[in-house]
């Protein structure tokens, strides 16, 4: 059983509790919240509430639930219209599918993304395959990638595989490597970034890192990222990242916390040319060109390793995409 406690701010406007919880709890759908409410798992000021309850300033909310997989519930599945989408499938068998997700593709349907997501394409793929007895409702996303992060993603095809893979994520035995291009020159060749990640109180679209949980408001999680420098360019560093935890925006928030936001990460300030005063007009123009070539954060999930539900060790790799590769090659020519 997992419990989330939220103390509502004194300036909070009145909104329905399901909308409020959707904004303040990660990886949960409106339908899942409503099920929790109807199951008397949502308590406000020590009283069970109904789904039409409106949040009041200074309310104290407790939500009780078992760990929720980022899985579609039945109603969400039924409402999804299968779409023919070109999926780059790295591997597929009866238990799971590994996909190289392109930058710009949203993984899961949500507000403002009711079509064109990876799940829409997956539903079409399985409806038109020879797979017998497949039920997307009973399968699941075991992890996710941000819309503008490219790279490897694994999806379970059945309940056993979902549970088997999820437990590996939970016990931190799945190995994931990312490649990132960050602003500035890291002082160390390798290191570990840790801290509690929670919503930035000044910007709900952004996560921030707290040194201790004393200063966190709402939901927060401890996070660990290992990094190693691969190449150093003037004003930029190319790094390998291995994450021990998979929190929302983890790598992006961690490097922002170090003062080295990811190249062209618009949410964390990487879309601006940093150290502009130190750059010549020629270098500034070079960066403007690179920002046009790579119009999103420079982050790619390059490899994934785990134990297959059939008990064999699997390793998958996909090289960085072309836009990222072009910028790296330009940096090697101009900034070395």
Protein backbone atom coordinates (compact mmCIF):
# COMPACT_ATOMS: atom_id res chain seq x y z
CA UNK A 1 0.00 0.00 0.00
CA UNK A 2 1.28 3.44 -0.95
CA UNK A 3 0.07 6.66 0.70
CA UNK A 4 0.42 10.16 -0.71
CA UNK A 5 -0.33 13.11 1.55
CA UNK A 6 -0.94 16.59 0.17
CA UNK A 7 -1.44 19.77 2.18
CA UNK A 8 -3.33 22.23 -0.02
CA UNK A 9 -1.91 25.74 -0.20
CA UNK A 10 -3.90 28.64 1.27
CA UNK A 11 -4.17 30.34 -2.14
CA UNK A 12 -5.48 27.25 -3.96
CA UNK A 13 -8.58 28.00 -6.07
CA UNK A 14 -11.59 25.69 -5.82
CA UNK A 15 -11.43 22.83 -8.35
CA UNK A 16 -12.77 19.29 -8.43
CA UNK A 17 -10.66 16.83 -6.51
CA UNK A 18 -10.08 14.55 -9.51
CA UNK A 19 -8.61 17.44 -11.51
CA UNK A 20 -6.47 18.48 -8.55
CA UNK A 21 -5.09 14.98 -7.99
CA UNK A 22 -4.40 14.51 -11.71
CA UNK A 23 -2.11 17.55 -11.56
CA UNK A 24 -0.39 16.50 -8.35
CA UNK A 25 0.15 12.75 -8.76
CA UNK A 26 2.43 11.37 -11.47
CA UNK A 27 1.51 8.55 -13.89
CA UNK A 28 -2.17 8.37 -12.98
CA UNK A 29 -5.26 8.86 -15.15
CA UNK A 30 -8.53 10.60 -14.32
CA UNK A 31 -10.34 7.24 -14.48
CA UNK A 32 -7.91 5.70 -12.00
CA UNK A 33 -8.44 8.63 -9.63
CA UNK A 34 -12.22 8.27 -9.85
CA UNK A 35 -11.91 4.55 -9.06
CA UNK A 36 -9.83 5.40 -5.99
CA UNK A 37 -12.48 7.90 -4.87
CA UNK A 38 -15.34 5.43 -5.36
CA UNK A 39 -13.31 2.79 -3.48
CA UNK A 40 -12.95 5.18 -0.52
CA UNK A 41 -9.20 5.53 -0.94
CA UNK A 42 -9.27 9.33 -1.00
CA UNK A 43 -9.67 11.09 2.35
CA UNK A 44 -9.93 14.84 2.89
CA UNK A 45 -9.71 16.17 6.43
CA UNK A 46 -10.33 12.61 7.73
CA UNK A 47 -13.55 12.24 5.69
CA UNK A 48 -14.11 10.11 2.56
CA UNK A 49 -15.14 12.39 -0.31
CA UNK A 50 -17.07 11.99 -3.55
CA UNK A 51 -15.68 12.75 -7.00
CA UNK A 52 -17.55 16.09 -7.22
CA UNK A 53 -15.88 17.39 -4.04
CA UNK A 54 -14.13 20.73 -4.62
CA UNK A 55 -10.72 21.31 -3.08
CA UNK A 56 -10.61 24.06 -0.44
CA UNK A 57 -7.57 26.03 0.74
CA UNK A 58 -5.65 24.25 3.53
CA UNK A 59 -7.37 20.89 2.94
CA UNK A 60 -5.33 17.85 4.02
CA UNK A 61 -5.59 15.02 1.50
CA UNK A 62 -4.58 11.37 1.88
CA UNK A 63 -4.64 9.02 -1.12
CA UNK A 64 -4.17 5.29 -0.57
CA UNK A 65 -3.36 2.94 -3.44
CA UNK A 66 -1.23 0.05 -4.49
CA UNK A 67 1.61 0.95 -6.85
CA UNK A 68 -0.07 1.91 -10.10
CA UNK A 69 1.56 0.67 -13.26
CA UNK A 70 1.51 3.20 -16.08
CA UNK A 71 -1.12 0.97 -17.69
CA UNK A 72 -4.31 1.80 -19.55
CA UNK A 73 -7.50 1.00 -17.71
CA UNK A 74 -10.28 -0.72 -19.63
CA UNK A 75 -12.29 2.39 -20.52
CA UNK A 76 -9.20 4.21 -21.77
CA UNK A 77 -8.28 1.20 -23.93
CA UNK A 78 -11.75 0.95 -25.43
CA UNK A 79 -11.77 4.65 -26.35
CA UNK A 80 -8.44 4.53 -28.17
CA UNK A 81 -8.74 4.37 -31.95
CA UNK A 82 -6.00 2.26 -33.50
CA UNK A 83 -3.79 4.28 -35.85
CA UNK A 84 -1.35 3.11 -38.47
CA UNK A 85 1.89 4.65 -37.25
CA UNK A 86 5.36 3.75 -38.45
CA UNK A 87 6.95 2.12 -35.39
CA UNK A 88 10.67 1.37 -35.29
CA UNK A 89 10.54 -2.07 -33.65
CA UNK A 90 13.91 -3.26 -32.35
CA UNK A 91 12.66 -6.59 -30.98
CA UNK A 92 9.37 -8.41 -30.56
CA UNK A 93 8.38 -11.77 -29.09
CA UNK A 94 5.34 -13.26 -27.37
CA UNK A 95 6.07 -11.48 -24.08
CA UNK A 96 7.31 -8.01 -24.93
CA UNK A 97 8.17 -5.47 -27.59
CA UNK A 98 11.11 -3.05 -27.64
CA UNK A 99 10.69 0.13 -29.66
CA UNK A 100 12.99 2.98 -30.66
CA UNK A 101 10.71 5.95 -29.98
CA UNK A 102 11.42 9.03 -32.07
CA UNK A 103 11.61 12.50 -30.55
CA UNK A 104 8.28 14.31 -30.83
CA UNK A 105 6.10 11.24 -30.21
CA UNK A 106 3.99 11.17 -27.04
CA UNK A 107 3.93 7.75 -25.38
CA UNK A 108 0.52 7.72 -23.70
CA UNK A 109 -2.78 9.45 -24.53
CA UNK A 110 -3.53 12.40 -22.30
CA UNK A 111 -4.79 15.95 -22.26
CA UNK A 112 -4.03 17.52 -25.64
CA UNK A 113 -2.76 14.19 -27.02
CA UNK A 114 -5.82 12.14 -27.95
CA UNK A 115 -4.29 10.71 -31.13
CA UNK A 116 -0.93 9.96 -32.72
CA UNK A 117 0.63 8.52 -29.56
CA UNK A 118 2.76 5.40 -29.30
CA UNK A 119 -0.15 3.54 -27.69
CA UNK A 120 -2.41 4.33 -30.67
CA UNK A 121 0.22 2.83 -32.95
CA UNK A 122 0.75 -0.19 -30.69
CA UNK A 123 -2.97 -0.96 -30.73
CA UNK A 124 -3.00 -0.90 -34.54
CA UNK A 125 0.15 -3.04 -34.69
CA UNK A 126 -1.32 -5.79 -32.52
CA UNK A 127 -4.74 -5.71 -34.14
CA UNK A 128 -3.02 -6.40 -37.46
CA UNK A 129 -0.53 -9.03 -36.26
CA UNK A 130 -0.87 -12.77 -35.82
CA UNK A 131 -0.70 -12.50 -32.06
CA UNK A 132 -3.52 -14.51 -30.53
CA UNK A 133 -5.36 -13.45 -27.41
CA UNK A 134 -3.55 -10.14 -27.01
CA UNK A 135 -5.19 -7.61 -24.72
CA UNK A 136 -3.60 -4.16 -24.53
CA UNK A 137 -5.60 -3.52 -21.36
CA UNK A 138 -3.76 -6.35 -19.59
CA UNK A 139 -0.36 -5.45 -20.97
CA UNK A 140 1.40 -2.26 -20.07
CA UNK A 141 4.01 0.41 -20.36
CA UNK A 142 6.63 -0.52 -17.83
CA UNK A 143 8.36 2.85 -18.15
CA UNK A 144 8.07 6.00 -20.28
CA UNK A 145 10.10 8.56 -22.15
CA UNK A 146 9.35 12.27 -22.43
CA UNK A 147 7.81 13.43 -25.70
CA UNK A 148 11.04 14.97 -27.00
CA UNK A 149 13.39 12.27 -25.69
CA UNK A 150 14.24 9.58 -28.23
CA UNK A 151 15.28 5.99 -27.69
CA UNK A 152 14.45 2.58 -26.30
CA UNK A 153 11.16 1.72 -24.63
CA UNK A 154 9.86 -1.71 -23.56
CA UNK A 155 6.17 -2.67 -23.48
CA UNK A 156 4.86 -5.85 -21.86
CA UNK A 157 2.37 -7.97 -23.79
CA UNK A 158 0.74 -9.77 -20.87
CA UNK A 159 0.19 -9.44 -17.15
CA UNK A 160 2.99 -11.79 -16.15
CA UNK A 161 5.55 -9.95 -18.30
CA UNK A 162 4.34 -6.61 -16.96
CA UNK A 163 4.77 -7.74 -13.37
CA UNK A 164 8.11 -9.44 -14.10
CA UNK A 165 9.59 -6.35 -15.77
CA UNK A 166 8.07 -3.90 -13.32
CA UNK A 167 9.68 -5.71 -10.39
CA UNK A 168 13.07 -5.30 -12.08
CA UNK A 169 12.46 -1.55 -12.41
CA UNK A 170 11.29 -1.44 -8.81
CA UNK A 171 14.40 -3.29 -7.56
CA UNK A 172 16.64 -1.13 -9.83
CA UNK A 173 18.17 -4.11 -11.67
CA UNK A 174 17.24 -2.93 -15.16
CA UNK A 175 20.18 -1.15 -16.78
CA UNK A 176 19.42 2.00 -18.81
CA UNK A 177 21.97 4.22 -20.51
CA UNK A 178 21.20 7.65 -21.93
CA UNK A 179 23.34 10.03 -23.96
CA UNK A 180 23.03 13.76 -23.37
CA UNK A 181 24.66 16.94 -24.62
CA UNK A 182 24.79 19.55 -21.87
CA UNK A 183 25.82 23.18 -21.61
CA UNK A 184 29.13 24.01 -19.94
CA UNK A 185 32.18 22.06 -18.86
CA UNK A 186 31.62 19.52 -16.07
CA UNK A 187 34.29 19.76 -13.40
CA UNK A 188 34.51 15.97 -12.88
CA UNK A 189 35.06 13.15 -15.39
CA UNK A 190 32.36 11.10 -13.68
CA UNK A 191 30.02 11.50 -10.75
CA UNK A 192 26.70 10.77 -9.08
CA UNK A 193 23.80 13.24 -8.84
CA UNK A 194 21.31 12.59 -6.05
CA UNK A 195 18.42 14.41 -4.43
CA UNK A 196 14.67 14.47 -3.92
CA UNK A 197 12.76 15.31 -7.10
CA UNK A 198 9.41 17.08 -6.89
CA UNK A 199 7.31 19.57 -8.81
CA UNK A 200 8.83 23.03 -9.03
CA UNK A 201 6.48 25.24 -6.96
CA UNK A 202 7.08 28.10 -9.42
CA UNK A 203 6.48 26.08 -12.60
CA UNK A 204 4.23 23.00 -12.63
CA UNK A 205 5.68 21.80 -15.96
CA UNK A 206 9.12 21.50 -14.42
CA UNK A 207 10.65 19.25 -11.78
CA UNK A 208 13.27 20.45 -9.32
CA UNK A 209 15.83 18.83 -7.02
CA UNK A 210 15.73 19.25 -3.24
CA UNK A 211 18.73 18.28 -1.10
CA UNK A 212 16.47 16.93 1.67
CA UNK A 213 12.80 16.05 1.79
CA UNK A 214 12.20 18.75 4.41
CA UNK A 215 11.76 21.37 1.71
CA UNK A 216 9.61 19.30 -0.66
CA UNK A 217 5.95 20.13 -1.10
CA UNK A 218 3.50 17.44 -2.24
CA UNK A 219 4.85 14.31 -3.93
CA UNK A 220 8.61 13.81 -4.14
CA UNK A 221 11.00 10.91 -4.76
CA UNK A 222 14.65 10.18 -4.14
CA UNK A 223 16.64 9.97 -7.37
CA UNK A 224 20.09 8.79 -8.48
CA UNK A 225 21.91 9.46 -11.77
CA UNK A 226 25.45 8.26 -12.57
CA UNK A 227 27.24 10.19 -15.31
CA UNK A 228 30.52 9.94 -17.20
CA UNK A 229 32.05 12.44 -19.61
CA UNK A 230 32.49 11.05 -23.13
CA UNK A 231 33.70 14.16 -24.96
CA UNK A 232 34.42 17.75 -24.01
CA UNK A 233 33.76 20.61 -26.41
CA UNK A 234 34.25 24.28 -25.78
CA UNK A 235 31.02 25.38 -23.99
CA UNK A 236 29.41 21.88 -24.22
CA UNK A 237 29.94 18.37 -22.76
CA UNK A 238 28.75 15.03 -24.17
CA UNK A 239 27.91 12.59 -21.37
CA UNK A 240 26.70 9.06 -20.71
CA UNK A 241 24.06 8.72 -17.97
CA UNK A 242 22.94 5.59 -16.15
CA UNK A 243 19.89 6.07 -13.96
CA UNK A 244 19.22 4.02 -10.84
CA UNK A 245 15.76 5.56 -10.50
CA UNK A 246 13.34 6.61 -13.22
CA UNK A 247 11.67 9.78 -12.01
CA UNK A 248 9.89 12.30 -14.24
CA UNK A 249 12.45 14.51 -16.06
CA UNK A 250 15.18 12.99 -13.87
CA UNK A 251 18.23 13.57 -16.09
CA UNK A 252 16.95 16.96 -17.24
CA UNK A 253 16.29 18.16 -13.69
CA UNK A 254 19.57 16.74 -12.36
CA UNK A 255 21.78 18.55 -14.86
CA UNK A 256 19.80 21.76 -14.43
CA UNK A 257 20.49 21.38 -10.70
CA UNK A 258 24.23 21.15 -11.45
CA UNK A 259 24.01 24.32 -13.53
CA UNK A 260 24.44 22.42 -16.82
CA UNK A 261 21.00 22.17 -18.51
CA UNK A 262 20.61 19.91 -21.54
CA UNK A 263 21.21 21.49 -24.93
CA UNK A 264 17.91 22.90 -26.28
CA UNK A 265 15.85 21.85 -23.26
CA UNK A 266 13.23 24.61 -23.37
CA UNK A 267 11.68 23.74 -19.98
CA UNK A 268 14.99 23.84 -18.11
CA UNK A 269 16.64 26.80 -19.84
CA UNK A 270 18.78 24.92 -22.33
CA UNK A 271 17.17 26.60 -25.34
CA UNK A 272 19.16 29.77 -24.64
CA UNK A 273 22.80 30.20 -25.59
CA UNK A 274 24.58 30.08 -22.26
CA UNK A 275 27.86 31.94 -21.63
CA UNK A 276 26.89 34.25 -24.50
CA UNK A 277 29.22 37.00 -23.27
CA UNK A 278 32.20 34.67 -23.62
CA UNK A 279 31.29 33.57 -27.15
CA UNK A 280 32.39 35.23 -30.36
CA UNK A 281 29.72 36.23 -32.89
CA UNK A 282 30.84 33.27 -35.02
CA UNK A 283 30.27 30.78 -32.16
CA UNK A 284 26.89 32.35 -31.34
CA UNK A 285 25.83 31.86 -34.95
CA UNK A 286 27.12 28.27 -34.78
CA UNK A 287 24.93 27.56 -31.74
CA UNK A 288 21.90 29.13 -33.43
CA UNK A 289 22.41 26.76 -36.35
CA UNK A 290 22.73 23.75 -34.03
CA UNK A 291 19.57 24.73 -32.14
CA UNK A 292 17.69 24.69 -35.44
CA UNK A 293 19.11 21.29 -36.41
CA UNK A 294 18.24 19.76 -33.02
CA UNK A 295 14.92 21.40 -32.07
CA UNK A 296 14.45 19.55 -28.74
CA UNK A 297 16.45 18.45 -25.72
CA UNK A 298 19.62 16.50 -26.60
CA UNK A 299 18.69 13.30 -24.76
CA UNK A 300 18.56 9.76 -26.14
CA UNK A 301 17.92 6.39 -24.42
CA UNK A 302 20.69 4.45 -26.14
CA UNK A 303 20.66 1.04 -24.42
CA UNK A 304 18.45 -1.16 -22.27
CA UNK A 305 19.33 -4.37 -20.43
CA UNK A 306 17.07 -6.64 -18.37
CA UNK A 307 16.13 -10.25 -17.62
CA UNK A 308 13.47 -11.50 -20.03
CA UNK A 309 10.36 -13.18 -18.56
CA UNK A 310 11.78 -16.39 -20.08
CA UNK A 311 14.81 -15.86 -17.78
CA UNK A 312 17.39 -14.92 -20.40
CA UNK A 313 19.44 -11.74 -20.21
CA UNK A 314 18.60 -9.23 -22.95
CA UNK A 315 20.56 -6.23 -24.20
CA UNK A 316 19.25 -3.73 -26.76
CA UNK A 317 21.01 -0.79 -28.37
CA UNK A 318 19.97 1.92 -30.80
CA UNK A 319 22.36 4.64 -32.01
CA UNK A 320 21.65 8.31 -31.48
CA UNK A 321 19.29 9.81 -34.11
CA UNK A 322 20.51 11.77 -37.10
CA UNK A 323 19.76 15.29 -35.79
CA UNK A 324 21.70 14.60 -32.59
CA UNK A 325 24.56 13.00 -34.57
CA UNK A 326 24.85 16.00 -36.92
CA UNK A 327 25.17 18.42 -33.99
CA UNK A 328 27.85 16.25 -32.35
CA UNK A 329 29.85 16.09 -35.58
CA UNK A 330 29.61 19.86 -35.98
CA UNK A 331 30.84 20.31 -32.41
CA UNK A 332 33.84 18.04 -33.17
CA UNK A 333 34.76 20.20 -36.15
CA UNK A 334 34.18 23.63 -34.63
CA UNK A 335 34.55 23.39 -30.84
CA UNK A 336 37.46 20.99 -30.26
